[in-house]
């Protein structure tokens, strides 16, 4: 039996005759999968590999829609309030009325005494208005001698006692009004009393006969000029 020599052992790392040695690029190409090939399945047992896959965010929520407006039910209609009482301004109490009894001929003199008492009690001259039912007061006649412009300017300035006719049509009002009933006509005296009552802010002093202004039974004494 013929004896064959032993065949040499061929290693995979050494190419055979006529086969070129492998290149490093070929080795990388074998390890990199081709484009379009299926991705390898992730082993569910490997928790680290599953956690590394980033979650795809969902669509962003839109801005909140405003709530539809609610219909407001109308409330009950307001009740009409009571109007001011006749003869007094709205929200202002009626002035206090005091009487200084005197005959018609002496009413003017008693009015001067009343003004002096008012000033001595602390009243400012600009707070006092003297109105005459009959003949004008001598001080009114004196001031009118300088002209009506100067006369009415004193009313606007309000620095001194102002003397005027009880039937004046200009707006004039002060804290204290002294009404001089120096005329015995009941009609004119009664109207002058109502007008003076609307011009007085806190106090109305009537000098003369109380019955002439429609106030029977009024106290015939000097008032405590407060």
C-alpha atoms as a PDB file:
ATOM      1  CA  UNK A   1       0.000   0.000   0.000  1.00  0.00           C
ATOM      2  CA  UNK A   2       1.509   3.192  -1.097  1.00  0.00           C
ATOM      3  CA  UNK A   3       2.228   5.753   1.499  1.00  0.00           C
ATOM      4  CA  UNK A   4       0.853   9.285   0.816  1.00  0.00           C
ATOM      5  CA  UNK A   5       2.502  12.167   2.368  1.00  0.00           C
ATOM      6  CA  UNK A   6       0.472  14.104   4.951  1.00  0.00           C
ATOM      7  CA  UNK A   7      -1.576  16.998   3.564  1.00  0.00           C
ATOM      8  CA  UNK A   8      -0.687  20.321   5.016  1.00  0.00           C
ATOM      9  CA  UNK A   9      -3.334  21.887   7.376  1.00  0.00           C
ATOM     10  CA  UNK A  10      -5.104  24.854   5.784  1.00  0.00           C
ATOM     11  CA  UNK A  11      -5.998  27.770   8.078  1.00  0.00           C
ATOM     12  CA  UNK A  12      -8.874  30.083   7.323  1.00  0.00           C
ATOM     13  CA  UNK A  13      -6.786  33.154   7.879  1.00  0.00           C
ATOM     14  CA  UNK A  14      -4.427  32.231   5.052  1.00  0.00           C
ATOM     15  CA  UNK A  15      -5.963  32.348   1.595  1.00  0.00           C
ATOM     16  CA  UNK A  16      -5.223  29.756  -0.916  1.00  0.00           C
ATOM     17  CA  UNK A  17      -3.204  30.242  -4.023  1.00  0.00           C
ATOM     18  CA  UNK A  18      -4.721  32.794  -6.350  1.00  0.00           C
ATOM     19  CA  UNK A  19      -6.994  34.302  -3.608  1.00  0.00           C
ATOM     20  CA  UNK A  20      -6.083  37.798  -2.513  1.00  0.00           C
ATOM     21  CA  UNK A  21      -5.692  38.637   1.103  1.00  0.00           C
ATOM     22  CA  UNK A  22      -8.875  40.213   2.647  1.00  0.00           C
ATOM     23  CA  UNK A  23      -8.924  43.986   3.183  1.00  0.00           C
ATOM     24  CA  UNK A  24     -10.009  45.858   6.280  1.00  0.00           C
ATOM     25  CA  UNK A  25     -12.767  47.612   4.358  1.00  0.00           C
ATOM     26  CA  UNK A  26     -14.208  44.252   3.403  1.00  0.00           C
ATOM     27  CA  UNK A  27     -14.353  43.278   7.041  1.00  0.00           C
ATOM     28  CA  UNK A  28     -16.239  46.456   7.947  1.00  0.00           C
ATOM     29  CA  UNK A  29     -18.627  45.952   5.080  1.00  0.00           C
ATOM     30  CA  UNK A  30     -19.460  42.520   6.379  1.00  0.00           C
ATOM     31  CA  UNK A  31     -20.252  43.868   9.869  1.00  0.00           C
ATOM     32  CA  UNK A  32     -22.407  46.861   8.582  1.00  0.00           C
ATOM     33  CA  UNK A  33     -25.866  45.808   7.379  1.00  0.00           C
ATOM     34  CA  UNK A  34     -26.938  46.924   3.981  1.00  0.00           C
ATOM     35  CA  UNK A  35     -29.254  49.876   3.483  1.00  0.00           C
ATOM     36  CA  UNK A  36     -32.938  48.936   3.459  1.00  0.00           C
ATOM     37  CA  UNK A  37     -32.389  45.760   5.379  1.00  0.00           C
ATOM     38  CA  UNK A  38     -34.626  44.959   8.297  1.00  0.00           C
ATOM     39  CA  UNK A  39     -33.510  46.178  11.695  1.00  0.00           C
ATOM     40  CA  UNK A  40     -32.585  43.503  14.136  1.00  0.00           C
ATOM     41  CA  UNK A  41     -35.312  42.644  16.619  1.00  0.00           C
ATOM     42  CA  UNK A  42     -34.873  43.952  20.110  1.00  0.00           C
ATOM     43  CA  UNK A  43     -34.677  41.310  22.731  1.00  0.00           C
ATOM     44  CA  UNK A  44     -37.394  42.082  25.289  1.00  0.00           C
ATOM     45  CA  UNK A  45     -35.289  40.464  27.940  1.00  0.00           C
ATOM     46  CA  UNK A  46     -32.733  43.229  27.551  1.00  0.00           C
ATOM     47  CA  UNK A  47     -34.386  46.105  29.511  1.00  0.00           C
ATOM     48  CA  UNK A  48     -31.499  48.465  28.861  1.00  0.00           C
ATOM     49  CA  UNK A  49     -31.925  48.222  25.099  1.00  0.00           C
ATOM     50  CA  UNK A  50     -35.700  48.835  25.342  1.00  0.00           C
ATOM     51  CA  UNK A  51     -35.281  51.870  27.590  1.00  0.00           C
ATOM     52  CA  UNK A  52     -32.752  53.433  25.277  1.00  0.00           C
ATOM     53  CA  UNK A  53     -35.335  53.799  22.484  1.00  0.00           C
ATOM     54  CA  UNK A  54     -36.594  57.439  22.662  1.00  0.00           C
ATOM     55  CA  UNK A  55     -40.359  57.989  22.868  1.00  0.00           C
ATOM     56  CA  UNK A  56     -41.883  59.872  19.969  1.00  0.00           C
ATOM     57  CA  UNK A  57     -43.705  62.995  21.245  1.00  0.00           C
ATOM     58  CA  UNK A  58     -47.350  63.378  20.322  1.00  0.00           C
ATOM     59  CA  UNK A  59     -49.017  66.426  18.754  1.00  0.00           C
ATOM     60  CA  UNK A  60     -48.914  69.683  20.752  1.00  0.00           C
ATOM     61  CA  UNK A  61     -52.189  70.705  22.369  1.00  0.00           C
ATOM     62  CA  UNK A  62     -53.822  73.799  20.900  1.00  0.00           C
ATOM     63  CA  UNK A  63     -54.635  76.958  22.905  1.00  0.00           C
ATOM     64  CA  UNK A  64     -57.616  76.635  25.286  1.00  0.00           C
ATOM     65  CA  UNK A  65     -60.858  77.849  23.823  1.00  0.00           C
ATOM     66  CA  UNK A  66     -62.645  80.594  25.777  1.00  0.00           C
ATOM     67  CA  UNK A  67     -65.810  79.592  27.527  1.00  0.00           C
ATOM     68  CA  UNK A  68     -69.015  80.917  25.938  1.00  0.00           C
ATOM     69  CA  UNK A  69     -70.362  84.034  27.699  1.00  0.00           C
ATOM     70  CA  UNK A  70     -73.193  83.484  30.108  1.00  0.00           C
ATOM     71  CA  UNK A  71     -76.350  85.444  29.714  1.00  0.00           C
ATOM     72  CA  UNK A  72     -76.818  87.923  32.573  1.00  0.00           C
ATOM     73  CA  UNK A  73     -80.320  88.005  33.939  1.00  0.00           C
ATOM     74  CA  UNK A  74     -81.646  91.535  34.404  1.00  0.00           C
ATOM     75  CA  UNK A  75     -82.196  92.485  38.022  1.00  0.00           C
ATOM     76  CA  UNK A  76     -85.362  93.990  39.432  1.00  0.00           C
ATOM     77  CA  UNK A  77     -86.024  97.608  38.452  1.00  0.00           C
ATOM     78  CA  UNK A  78     -84.902 100.239  40.933  1.00  0.00           C
ATOM     79  CA  UNK A  79     -87.602 101.691  43.089  1.00  0.00           C
ATOM     80  CA  UNK A  80     -88.133 105.408  42.620  1.00  0.00           C
ATOM     81  CA  UNK A  81     -86.901 107.361  45.626  1.00  0.00           C
ATOM     82  CA  UNK A  82     -88.756 110.079  47.358  1.00  0.00           C
ATOM     83  CA  UNK A  83     -88.140 113.572  46.096  1.00  0.00           C
ATOM     84  CA  UNK A  84     -87.122 116.509  48.264  1.00  0.00           C
ATOM     85  CA  UNK A  85     -89.748 118.226  50.321  1.00  0.00           C
ATOM     86  CA  UNK A  86     -91.019 121.486  48.868  1.00  0.00           C
ATOM     87  CA  UNK A  87     -89.281 124.547  50.199  1.00  0.00           C
ATOM     88  CA  UNK A  88     -85.967 122.816  50.995  1.00  0.00           C
ATOM     89  CA  UNK A  89     -83.022 121.686  48.870  1.00  0.00           C
ATOM     90  CA  UNK A  90     -82.370 117.995  48.290  1.00  0.00           C
ATOM     91  CA  UNK A  91     -80.476 116.458  51.202  1.00  0.00           C
ATOM     92  CA  UNK A  92     -80.505 119.712  53.244  1.00  0.00           C
ATOM     93  CA  UNK A  93     -82.511 120.067  56.472  1.00  0.00           C
ATOM     94  CA  UNK A  94     -84.885 122.959  56.819  1.00  0.00           C
ATOM     95  CA  UNK A  95     -83.426 126.002  58.595  1.00  0.00           C
ATOM     96  CA  UNK A  96     -84.423 126.938  62.109  1.00  0.00           C
ATOM     97  CA  UNK A  97     -86.939 129.783  62.287  1.00  0.00           C
ATOM     98  CA  UNK A  98     -86.822 132.274  65.164  1.00  0.00           C
ATOM     99  CA  UNK A  99     -88.925 135.365  65.757  1.00  0.00           C
ATOM    100  CA  UNK A 100     -88.234 138.817  67.189  1.00  0.00           C
ATOM    101  CA  UNK A 101     -91.567 140.418  68.012  1.00  0.00           C
ATOM    102  CA  UNK A 102     -91.855 144.063  67.052  1.00  0.00           C
ATOM    103  CA  UNK A 103     -94.410 146.476  65.569  1.00  0.00           C
ATOM    104  CA  UNK A 104     -94.117 147.173  61.871  1.00  0.00           C
ATOM    105  CA  UNK A 105     -92.640 150.635  62.496  1.00  0.00           C
ATOM    106  CA  UNK A 106     -89.924 149.243  64.786  1.00  0.00           C
ATOM    107  CA  UNK A 107     -89.052 146.133  62.772  1.00  0.00           C
ATOM    108  CA  UNK A 108     -86.077 147.778  61.075  1.00  0.00           C
ATOM    109  CA  UNK A 109     -84.508 148.853  64.357  1.00  0.00           C
ATOM    110  CA  UNK A 110     -85.003 145.443  65.901  1.00  0.00           C
ATOM    111  CA  UNK A 111     -83.364 143.886  62.835  1.00  0.00           C
ATOM    112  CA  UNK A 112     -80.232 146.012  63.352  1.00  0.00           C
ATOM    113  CA  UNK A 113     -80.047 144.843  66.954  1.00  0.00           C
ATOM    114  CA  UNK A 114     -80.394 141.244  65.780  1.00  0.00           C
ATOM    115  CA  UNK A 115     -77.519 141.626  63.304  1.00  0.00           C
ATOM    116  CA  UNK A 116     -75.308 143.043  66.051  1.00  0.00           C
ATOM    117  CA  UNK A 117     -76.104 140.054  68.271  1.00  0.00           C
ATOM    118  CA  UNK A 118     -75.309 137.651  65.448  1.00  0.00           C
ATOM    119  CA  UNK A 119     -71.905 139.202  64.873  1.00  0.00           C
ATOM    120  CA  UNK A 120     -71.147 139.291  68.604  1.00  0.00           C
ATOM    121  CA  UNK A 121     -72.015 135.588  68.889  1.00  0.00           C
ATOM    122  CA  UNK A 122     -69.318 134.709  66.357  1.00  0.00           C
ATOM    123  CA  UNK A 123     -71.098 134.858  63.016  1.00  0.00           C
ATOM    124  CA  UNK A 124     -69.079 136.181  60.088  1.00  0.00           C
ATOM    125  CA  UNK A 125     -70.483 139.287  58.344  1.00  0.00           C
ATOM    126  CA  UNK A 126     -70.432 137.362  55.076  1.00  0.00           C
ATOM    127  CA  UNK A 127     -72.805 134.778  56.573  1.00  0.00           C
ATOM    128  CA  UNK A 128     -75.671 137.260  57.132  1.00  0.00           C
ATOM    129  CA  UNK A 129     -78.263 138.390  54.582  1.00  0.00           C
ATOM    130  CA  UNK A 130     -80.850 141.058  55.553  1.00  0.00           C
ATOM    131  CA  UNK A 131     -84.053 141.214  53.493  1.00  0.00           C
ATOM    132  CA  UNK A 132     -86.703 143.917  53.856  1.00  0.00           C
ATOM    133  CA  UNK A 133     -90.354 143.427  52.962  1.00  0.00           C
ATOM    134  CA  UNK A 134     -91.187 147.165  52.701  1.00  0.00           C
ATOM    135  CA  UNK A 135     -88.892 150.167  52.401  1.00  0.00           C
ATOM    136  CA  UNK A 136     -85.222 149.289  51.639  1.00  0.00           C
ATOM    137  CA  UNK A 137     -82.719 149.313  54.454  1.00  0.00           C
ATOM    138  CA  UNK A 138     -80.652 152.529  54.749  1.00  0.00           C
ATOM    139  CA  UNK A 139     -77.447 150.545  54.134  1.00  0.00           C
ATOM    140  CA  UNK A 140     -78.890 149.183  50.896  1.00  0.00           C
ATOM    141  CA  UNK A 141     -79.675 152.705  49.730  1.00  0.00           C
ATOM    142  CA  UNK A 142     -76.179 153.787  50.707  1.00  0.00           C
ATOM    143  CA  UNK A 143     -74.452 151.008  48.759  1.00  0.00           C
ATOM    144  CA  UNK A 144     -76.626 151.570  45.691  1.00  0.00           C
ATOM    145  CA  UNK A 145     -75.412 155.165  45.585  1.00  0.00           C
ATOM    146  CA  UNK A 146     -72.058 153.829  44.320  1.00  0.00           C
ATOM    147  CA  UNK A 147     -73.697 152.034  41.404  1.00  0.00           C
ATOM    148  CA  UNK A 148     -75.397 148.689  40.932  1.00  0.00           C
ATOM    149  CA  UNK A 149     -72.201 147.008  39.718  1.00  0.00           C
ATOM    150  CA  UNK A 150     -70.431 147.749  42.970  1.00  0.00           C
ATOM    151  CA  UNK A 151     -73.545 146.881  44.963  1.00  0.00           C
ATOM    152  CA  UNK A 152     -73.971 143.376  43.490  1.00  0.00           C
ATOM    153  CA  UNK A 153     -70.233 142.737  43.640  1.00  0.00           C
ATOM    154  CA  UNK A 154     -70.508 142.772  47.431  1.00  0.00           C
ATOM    155  CA  UNK A 155     -72.947 139.866  47.218  1.00  0.00           C
ATOM    156  CA  UNK A 156     -70.485 137.866  45.128  1.00  0.00           C
ATOM    157  CA  UNK A 157     -67.498 138.682  47.322  1.00  0.00           C
ATOM    158  CA  UNK A 158     -69.340 137.735  50.513  1.00  0.00           C
ATOM    159  CA  UNK A 159     -67.152 139.744  52.862  1.00  0.00           C
ATOM    160  CA  UNK A 160     -69.833 141.854  54.579  1.00  0.00           C
ATOM    161  CA  UNK A 161     -73.497 141.819  55.584  1.00  0.00           C
ATOM    162  CA  UNK A 162     -75.613 142.198  52.472  1.00  0.00           C
ATOM    163  CA  UNK A 163     -78.889 144.187  52.475  1.00  0.00           C
ATOM    164  CA  UNK A 164     -81.465 143.620  49.750  1.00  0.00           C
ATOM    165  CA  UNK A 165     -85.165 143.625  48.960  1.00  0.00           C
ATOM    166  CA  UNK A 166     -87.072 140.475  49.906  1.00  0.00           C
ATOM    167  CA  UNK A 167     -88.363 140.133  46.344  1.00  0.00           C
ATOM    168  CA  UNK A 168     -84.932 140.088  44.646  1.00  0.00           C
ATOM    169  CA  UNK A 169     -84.704 137.765  41.668  1.00  0.00           C
ATOM    170  CA  UNK A 170     -80.982 137.061  41.766  1.00  0.00           C
ATOM    171  CA  UNK A 171     -79.732 133.830  43.369  1.00  0.00           C
ATOM    172  CA  UNK A 172     -78.714 134.850  46.860  1.00  0.00           C
ATOM    173  CA  UNK A 173     -78.402 132.642  49.906  1.00  0.00           C
ATOM    174  CA  UNK A 174     -76.446 132.675  53.145  1.00  0.00           C
ATOM    175  CA  UNK A 175     -76.262 130.752  56.386  1.00  0.00           C
ATOM    176  CA  UNK A 176     -78.369 133.302  58.285  1.00  0.00           C
ATOM    177  CA  UNK A 177     -81.192 135.374  56.806  1.00  0.00           C
ATOM    178  CA  UNK A 178     -82.838 138.208  58.741  1.00  0.00           C
ATOM    179  CA  UNK A 179     -86.286 139.062  57.371  1.00  0.00           C
ATOM    180  CA  UNK A 180     -87.499 142.570  58.248  1.00  0.00           C
ATOM    181  CA  UNK A 181     -91.314 142.702  58.159  1.00  0.00           C
ATOM    182  CA  UNK A 182     -91.572 146.478  57.845  1.00  0.00           C
ATOM    183  CA  UNK A 183     -94.772 146.366  55.804  1.00  0.00           C
ATOM    184  CA  UNK A 184     -98.184 145.311  57.041  1.00  0.00           C
ATOM    185  CA  UNK A 185     -99.311 143.664  53.803  1.00  0.00           C
ATOM    186  CA  UNK A 186    -100.024 140.006  54.679  1.00  0.00           C
ATOM    187  CA  UNK A 187     -99.757 138.823  51.060  1.00  0.00           C
ATOM    188  CA  UNK A 188     -96.345 140.315  50.470  1.00  0.00           C
ATOM    189  CA  UNK A 189     -95.051 139.378  53.919  1.00  0.00           C
ATOM    190  CA  UNK A 190     -96.177 135.769  53.516  1.00  0.00           C
ATOM    191  CA  UNK A 191     -94.493 135.460  50.098  1.00  0.00           C
ATOM    192  CA  UNK A 192     -91.324 137.088  51.423  1.00  0.00           C
ATOM    193  CA  UNK A 193     -91.260 134.602  54.286  1.00  0.00           C
ATOM    194  CA  UNK A 194     -91.377 131.607  51.900  1.00  0.00           C
ATOM    195  CA  UNK A 195     -88.610 133.083  49.732  1.00  0.00           C
ATOM    196  CA  UNK A 196     -86.422 133.892  52.738  1.00  0.00           C
ATOM    197  CA  UNK A 197     -86.925 130.351  54.018  1.00  0.00           C
ATOM    198  CA  UNK A 198     -85.435 129.009  50.791  1.00  0.00           C
ATOM    199  CA  UNK A 199     -82.429 131.335  50.984  1.00  0.00           C
ATOM    200  CA  UNK A 200     -81.474 130.564  54.601  1.00  0.00           C
ATOM    201  CA  UNK A 201     -78.940 127.795  55.136  1.00  0.00           C
ATOM    202  CA  UNK A 202     -79.210 127.277  58.911  1.00  0.00           C
ATOM    203  CA  UNK A 203     -81.205 130.075  60.539  1.00  0.00           C
ATOM    204  CA  UNK A 204     -84.035 132.441  59.590  1.00  0.00           C
ATOM    205  CA  UNK A 205     -84.833 135.299  61.979  1.00  0.00           C
ATOM    206  CA  UNK A 206     -88.112 137.129  61.414  1.00  0.00           C
ATOM    207  CA  UNK A 207     -88.223 140.636  62.892  1.00  0.00           C
ATOM    208  CA  UNK A 208     -91.765 142.052  63.082  1.00  0.00           C
ATOM    209  CA  UNK A 209     -95.227 140.725  63.631  1.00  0.00           C
ATOM    210  CA  UNK A 210     -95.349 136.964  63.360  1.00  0.00           C
ATOM    211  CA  UNK A 211     -98.974 137.001  62.223  1.00  0.00           C
ATOM    212  CA  UNK A 212     -97.969 139.010  59.180  1.00  0.00           C
ATOM    213  CA  UNK A 213     -95.961 136.100  57.780  1.00  0.00           C
ATOM    214  CA  UNK A 214     -98.656 133.536  58.566  1.00  0.00           C
ATOM    215  CA  UNK A 215     -97.209 132.268  61.846  1.00  0.00           C
ATOM    216  CA  UNK A 216     -99.829 132.855  64.527  1.00  0.00           C
ATOM    217  CA  UNK A 217     -98.881 132.032  68.081  1.00  0.00           C
ATOM    218  CA  UNK A 218     -95.149 132.570  67.536  1.00  0.00           C
ATOM    219  CA  UNK A 219     -93.213 133.457  70.719  1.00  0.00           C
ATOM    220  CA  UNK A 220     -92.963 137.193  71.169  1.00  0.00           C
ATOM    221  CA  UNK A 221     -89.448 137.265  72.553  1.00  0.00           C
ATOM    222  CA  UNK A 222     -85.944 137.719  71.311  1.00  0.00           C
ATOM    223  CA  UNK A 223     -84.460 134.488  69.962  1.00  0.00           C
ATOM    224  CA  UNK A 224     -81.384 132.831  71.353  1.00  0.00           C
ATOM    225  CA  UNK A 225     -79.266 133.540  68.286  1.00  0.00           C
ATOM    226  CA  UNK A 226     -77.278 130.345  67.977  1.00  0.00           C
END
